PDB file of N, CA and C in Angstrom:
ATOM      1  N   MET A   1     128.594 -13.454 -12.179  1.00  0.00           N
ATOM      2  CA  MET A   1     127.242 -13.809 -11.549  1.00  0.00           C
ATOM      3  C   MET A   1     127.185 -13.899 -10.278  1.00  0.00           C
ATOM      4  N   ARG A   2     126.004 -14.402  -9.368  1.00  0.00           N
ATOM      5  CA  ARG A   2     125.408 -14.066  -8.323  1.00  0.00           C
ATOM      6  C   ARG A   2     124.561 -15.910  -8.611  1.00  0.00           C
ATOM      7  N   PHE A   3     125.543 -16.529  -7.827  1.00  0.00           N
ATOM      8  CA  PHE A   3     124.405 -18.381  -7.278  1.00  0.00           C
ATOM      9  C   PHE A   3     122.495 -17.437  -7.311  1.00  0.00           C
ATOM     10  N   ASP A   4     122.283 -16.678  -6.514  1.00  0.00           N
ATOM     11  CA  ASP A   4     120.818 -15.935  -6.344  1.00  0.00           C
ATOM     12  C   ASP A   4     120.582 -15.700  -7.371  1.00  0.00           C
ATOM     13  N   GLU A   5     121.241 -14.881  -8.696  1.00  0.00           N
ATOM     14  CA  GLU A   5     120.670 -14.339  -9.717  1.00  0.00           C
ATOM     15  C   GLU A   5     120.615 -15.814 -10.373  1.00  0.00           C
ATOM     16  N   ILE A   6     121.027 -16.607 -10.749  1.00  0.00           N
ATOM     17  CA  ILE A   6     120.884 -18.205 -11.589  1.00  0.00           C
ATOM     18  C   ILE A   6     119.771 -18.987 -11.031  1.00  0.00           C
ATOM     19  N   ALA A   7     119.988 -19.167  -9.612  1.00  0.00           N
ATOM     20  CA  ALA A   7     118.954 -19.952  -9.083  1.00  0.00           C
ATOM     21  C   ALA A   7     117.889 -19.977  -9.656  1.00  0.00           C
ATOM     22  N   PRO A   8     116.911 -21.287  -9.985  1.00  0.00           N
ATOM     23  CA  PRO A   8     115.590 -21.600  -9.572  1.00  0.00           C
ATOM     24  C   PRO A   8     115.107 -21.217  -8.987  1.00  0.00           C
ATOM     25  N   GLN A   9     113.710 -19.857  -8.982  1.00  0.00           N
ATOM     26  CA  GLN A   9     113.209 -20.119  -8.314  1.00  0.00           C
ATOM     27  C   GLN A   9     111.026 -20.256  -8.209  1.00  0.00           C
ATOM     28  N   GLY A  10     111.129 -20.238  -6.990  1.00  0.00           N
ATOM     29  CA  GLY A  10     109.905 -21.363  -6.664  1.00  0.00           C
ATOM     30  C   GLY A  10     108.080 -20.522  -7.962  1.00  0.00           C
ATOM     31  N   PRO A  11     107.696 -21.005  -7.557  1.00  0.00           N
ATOM     32  CA  PRO A  11     106.568 -21.323  -8.307  1.00  0.00           C
ATOM     33  C   PRO A  11     106.147 -19.854  -8.078  1.00  0.00           C
ATOM     34  N   LEU A  12     105.571 -19.280  -9.339  1.00  0.00           N
ATOM     35  CA  LEU A  12     104.609 -17.784  -9.246  1.00  0.00           C
ATOM     36  C   LEU A  12     103.410 -18.299  -8.347  1.00  0.00           C
ATOM     37  N   SER A  13     102.844 -17.289  -7.612  1.00  0.00           N
ATOM     38  CA  SER A  13     101.309 -17.179  -6.760  1.00  0.00           C
ATOM     39  C   SER A  13     100.640 -17.078  -8.743  1.00  0.00           C
ATOM     40  N   PRO A  14      99.508 -16.582  -8.457  1.00  0.00           N
ATOM     41  CA  PRO A  14      98.313 -16.897  -9.252  1.00  0.00           C
ATOM     42  C   PRO A  14      98.694 -15.772  -9.753  1.00  0.00           C
ATOM     43  N   GLU A  15      98.867 -14.617  -8.975  1.00  0.00           N
ATOM     44  CA  GLU A  15      98.177 -13.200  -9.055  1.00  0.00           C
ATOM     45  C   GLU A  15      99.860 -12.886  -9.830  1.00  0.00           C
ATOM     46  N   GLN A  16     100.671 -13.727  -9.327  1.00  0.00           N
ATOM     47  CA  GLN A  16     102.207 -12.926 -10.064  1.00  0.00           C
ATOM     48  C   GLN A  16     102.238 -13.630 -11.505  1.00  0.00           C
ATOM     49  N   ALA A  17     101.555 -14.583 -11.644  1.00  0.00           N
ATOM     50  CA  ALA A  17     101.736 -15.478 -12.542  1.00  0.00           C
ATOM     51  C   ALA A  17     100.393 -14.872 -14.093  1.00  0.00           C
ATOM     52  N   ARG A  18      99.456 -13.581 -13.600  1.00  0.00           N
ATOM     53  CA  ARG A  18      98.944 -13.834 -13.749  1.00  0.00           C
ATOM     54  C   ARG A  18      99.841 -12.061 -14.747  1.00  0.00           C
ATOM     55  N   LEU A  19     100.069 -11.794 -13.901  1.00  0.00           N
ATOM     56  CA  LEU A  19     100.692 -10.606 -14.259  1.00  0.00           C
ATOM     57  C   LEU A  19     101.705 -10.839 -15.425  1.00  0.00           C
ATOM     58  N   LYS A  20     102.933 -11.091 -15.392  1.00  0.00           N
ATOM     59  CA  LYS A  20     103.926 -11.581 -15.543  1.00  0.00           C
ATOM     60  C   LYS A  20     103.642 -12.822 -17.080  1.00  0.00           C
ATOM     61  N   SER A  21     102.101 -13.436 -17.469  1.00  0.00           N
ATOM     62  CA  SER A  21     100.841 -13.134 -18.632  1.00  0.00           C
ATOM     63  C   SER A  21     101.437 -11.878 -19.191  1.00  0.00           C
ATOM     64  N   MET A  22     100.528 -10.777 -18.906  1.00  0.00           N
ATOM     65  CA  MET A  22      99.548  -9.730 -19.037  1.00  0.00           C
ATOM     66  C   MET A  22     101.233  -8.917 -19.479  1.00  0.00           C
ATOM     67  N   LYS A  23     102.755  -9.084 -19.086  1.00  0.00           N
ATOM     68  CA  LYS A  23     103.571  -8.604 -19.137  1.00  0.00           C
ATOM     69  C   LYS A  23     104.254  -8.320 -20.734  1.00  0.00           C
ATOM     70  N   ASP A  24     104.154 -10.178 -21.479  1.00  0.00           N
ATOM     71  CA  ASP A  24     104.927 -11.121 -21.969  1.00  0.00           C
ATOM     72  C   ASP A  24     103.690 -10.830 -22.820  1.00  0.00           C
ATOM     73  N   ARG A  25     102.905 -10.536 -22.748  1.00  0.00           N
ATOM     74  CA  ARG A  25     101.592 -10.622 -24.185  1.00  0.00           C
ATOM     75  C   ARG A  25     101.818  -9.342 -24.800  1.00  0.00           C
ATOM     76  N   VAL A  26     102.245  -8.334 -24.006  1.00  0.00           N
ATOM     77  CA  VAL A  26     102.423  -6.808 -24.061  1.00  0.00           C
ATOM     78  C   VAL A  26     103.308  -7.137 -25.476  1.00  0.00           C
ATOM     79  N   LYS A  27     104.465  -7.350 -24.835  1.00  0.00           N
ATOM     80  CA  LYS A  27     106.016  -7.688 -25.055  1.00  0.00           C
ATOM     81  C   LYS A  27     106.007  -8.928 -26.727  1.00  0.00           C
ATOM     82  N   ARG A  28     104.786  -9.128 -26.740  1.00  0.00           N
ATOM     83  CA  ARG A  28     105.079  -9.816 -27.869  1.00  0.00           C
ATOM     84  C   ARG A  28     104.093  -9.180 -29.165  1.00  0.00           C
ATOM     85  N   ASP A  29     102.912  -8.338 -28.280  1.00  0.00           N
ATOM     86  CA  ASP A  29     102.447  -7.859 -28.788  1.00  0.00           C
ATOM     87  C   ASP A  29     102.707  -6.614 -29.961  1.00  0.00           C
ATOM     88  N   GLN A  30     103.755  -5.473 -29.039  1.00  0.00           N
ATOM     89  CA  GLN A  30     104.847  -4.433 -29.387  1.00  0.00           C
ATOM     90  C   GLN A  30     105.779  -5.334 -30.227  1.00  0.00           C
ATOM     91  N   GLN A  31     105.713  -6.669 -30.433  1.00  0.00           N
ATOM     92  CA  GLN A  31     106.972  -6.821 -31.216  1.00  0.00           C
ATOM     93  C   GLN A  31     106.130  -7.016 -32.194  1.00  0.00           C
ATOM     94  N   ALA A  32     105.576  -7.363 -32.465  1.00  0.00           N
ATOM     95  CA  ALA A  32     104.470  -7.653 -33.457  1.00  0.00           C
ATOM     96  C   ALA A  32     103.371  -6.411 -34.799  1.00  0.00           C
ATOM     97  N   VAL A  33     103.361  -5.113 -33.473  1.00  0.00           N
ATOM     98  CA  VAL A  33     103.408  -4.094 -34.354  1.00  0.00           C
ATOM     99  C   VAL A  33     104.456  -3.488 -35.154  1.00  0.00           C
ATOM    100  N   LYS A  34     105.855  -3.737 -34.275  1.00  0.00           N
ATOM    101  CA  LYS A  34     106.942  -3.119 -34.813  1.00  0.00           C
ATOM    102  C   LYS A  34     107.321  -4.285 -36.301  1.00  0.00           C
ATOM    103  N   ALA A  35     107.204  -5.039 -36.403  1.00  0.00           N
ATOM    104  CA  ALA A  35     106.968  -6.011 -37.463  1.00  0.00           C
ATOM    105  C   ALA A  35     105.762  -5.938 -38.947  1.00  0.00           C
ATOM    106  N   GLU A  36     105.117  -5.533 -38.552  1.00  0.00           N
ATOM    107  CA  GLU A  36     104.065  -5.121 -38.770  1.00  0.00           C
ATOM    108  C   GLU A  36     104.500  -3.476 -39.452  1.00  0.00           C
ATOM    109  N   ARG A  37     104.884  -2.966 -38.997  1.00  0.00           N
ATOM    110  CA  ARG A  37     104.921  -1.199 -39.569  1.00  0.00           C
ATOM    111  C   ARG A  37     106.261  -1.180 -40.746  1.00  0.00           C
ATOM    112  N   ALA A  38     106.818  -2.404 -40.213  1.00  0.00           N
ATOM    113  CA  ALA A  38     108.399  -3.020 -40.755  1.00  0.00           C
ATOM    114  C   ALA A  38     107.995  -3.241 -42.341  1.00  0.00           C
ATOM    115  N   ARG A  39     106.850  -4.167 -42.150  1.00  0.00           N
ATOM    116  CA  ARG A  39     106.907  -5.178 -43.561  1.00  0.00           C
ATOM    117  C   ARG A  39     105.982  -4.252 -44.832  1.00  0.00           C
ATOM    118  N   GLN A  40     104.587  -3.049 -43.892  1.00  0.00           N
ATOM    119  CA  GLN A  40     104.225  -1.893 -44.306  1.00  0.00           C
ATOM    120  C   GLN A  40     104.494  -0.570 -45.347  1.00  0.00           C
ATOM    121  N   GLN A  41     106.413  -1.081 -44.131  1.00  0.00           N
ATOM    122  CA  GLN A  41     107.446   0.181 -45.351  1.00  0.00           C
ATOM    123  C   GLN A  41     107.192  -0.261 -46.398  1.00  0.00           C
ATOM    124  N   MET A  42     108.331  -1.689 -46.149  1.00  0.00           N
ATOM    125  CA  MET A  42     109.090  -2.296 -47.200  1.00  0.00           C
ATOM    126  C   MET A  42     107.673  -2.206 -48.482  1.00  0.00           C
ATOM    127  N   HIS A  43     106.476  -2.486 -48.108  1.00  0.00           N
ATOM    128  CA  HIS A  43     105.763  -2.805 -49.051  1.00  0.00           C
ATOM    129  C   HIS A  43     104.947  -1.436 -49.287  1.00  0.00           C
ATOM    130  N   LYS A  44     105.406   0.066 -49.428  1.00  0.00           N
ATOM    131  CA  LYS A  44     105.186   1.329 -49.527  1.00  0.00           C
ATOM    132  C   LYS A  44     106.507   1.561 -50.402  1.00  0.00           C
ATOM    133  N   ALA A  45     107.796   0.576 -50.251  1.00  0.00           N
ATOM    134  CA  ALA A  45     108.669   1.366 -50.697  1.00  0.00           C
ATOM    135  C   ALA A  45     108.978   0.692 -51.668  1.00  0.00           C
ATOM    136  N   GLN A  46     108.982  -0.496 -51.768  1.00  0.00           N
ATOM    137  CA  GLN A  46     108.354  -1.882 -53.334  1.00  0.00           C
ATOM    138  C   GLN A  46     106.875  -0.730 -54.471  1.00  0.00           C
ATOM    139  N   GLN A  47     106.025  -0.376 -53.546  1.00  0.00           N
ATOM    140  CA  GLN A  47     105.461  -0.200 -54.868  1.00  0.00           C
ATOM    141  C   GLN A  47     106.142   0.979 -55.474  1.00  0.00           C
ATOM    142  N   ASP A  48     106.374   2.012 -54.750  1.00  0.00           N
ATOM    143  CA  ASP A  48     107.313   3.684 -55.223  1.00  0.00           C
ATOM    144  C   ASP A  48     108.303   3.377 -56.336  1.00  0.00           C
ATOM    145  N   LEU A  49     109.552   1.875 -55.381  1.00  0.00           N
ATOM    146  CA  LEU A  49     110.489   1.406 -57.205  1.00  0.00           C
ATOM    147  C   LEU A  49     109.616   1.520 -57.940  1.00  0.00           C
ATOM    148  N   SER A  50     108.770   0.303 -58.082  1.00  0.00           N
ATOM    149  CA  SER A  50     107.581  -0.376 -59.105  1.00  0.00           C
ATOM    150  C   SER A  50     107.843   0.998 -59.540  1.00  0.00           C
ATOM    151  N   ALA A  51     106.889   1.656 -59.165  1.00  0.00           N
ATOM    152  CA  ALA A  51     105.874   2.695 -60.019  1.00  0.00           C
ATOM    153  C   ALA A  51     107.321   4.341 -60.221  1.00  0.00           C
ATOM    154  N   ILE A  52     108.360   3.890 -60.044  1.00  0.00           N
ATOM    155  CA  ILE A  52     109.139   4.912 -60.776  1.00  0.00           C
ATOM    156  C   ILE A  52     110.016   4.067 -61.874  1.00  0.00           C
ATOM    157  N   ASN A  53     109.961   3.181 -62.083  1.00  0.00           N
ATOM    158  CA  ASN A  53     110.620   1.079 -62.466  1.00  0.00           C
ATOM    159  C   ASN A  53     109.662   1.752 -64.595  1.00  0.00           C
ATOM    160  N   ARG A  54     108.042   1.982 -63.431  1.00  0.00           N
ATOM    161  CA  ARG A  54     106.901   1.984 -64.763  1.00  0.00           C
ATOM    162  C   ARG A  54     107.500   3.596 -65.679  1.00  0.00           C
ATOM    163  N   GLN A  55     107.696   4.469 -64.573  1.00  0.00           N
ATOM    164  CA  GLN A  55     107.732   5.864 -65.765  1.00  0.00           C
ATOM    165  C   GLN A  55     108.910   5.487 -66.807  1.00  0.00           C
ATOM    166  N   LYS A  56     110.273   5.149 -65.970  1.00  0.00           N
ATOM    167  CA  LYS A  56     110.821   4.542 -67.199  1.00  0.00           C
ATOM    168  C   LYS A  56     110.873   4.794 -68.750  1.00  0.00           C
TER     169      LYS A  56
END
């Protein structure tokens, strides 16, 4: 790694900070959507499994 890659950088301008905040929010929202889809898939699989067990 080069020194300039790890060196602290100055504060962001208000415009840059707003953009970074928007990008970070998008990433968090994408992760939340992914987690919610996984939760729903797991719930559906559990329902299917319990329905199969009830039929036996």
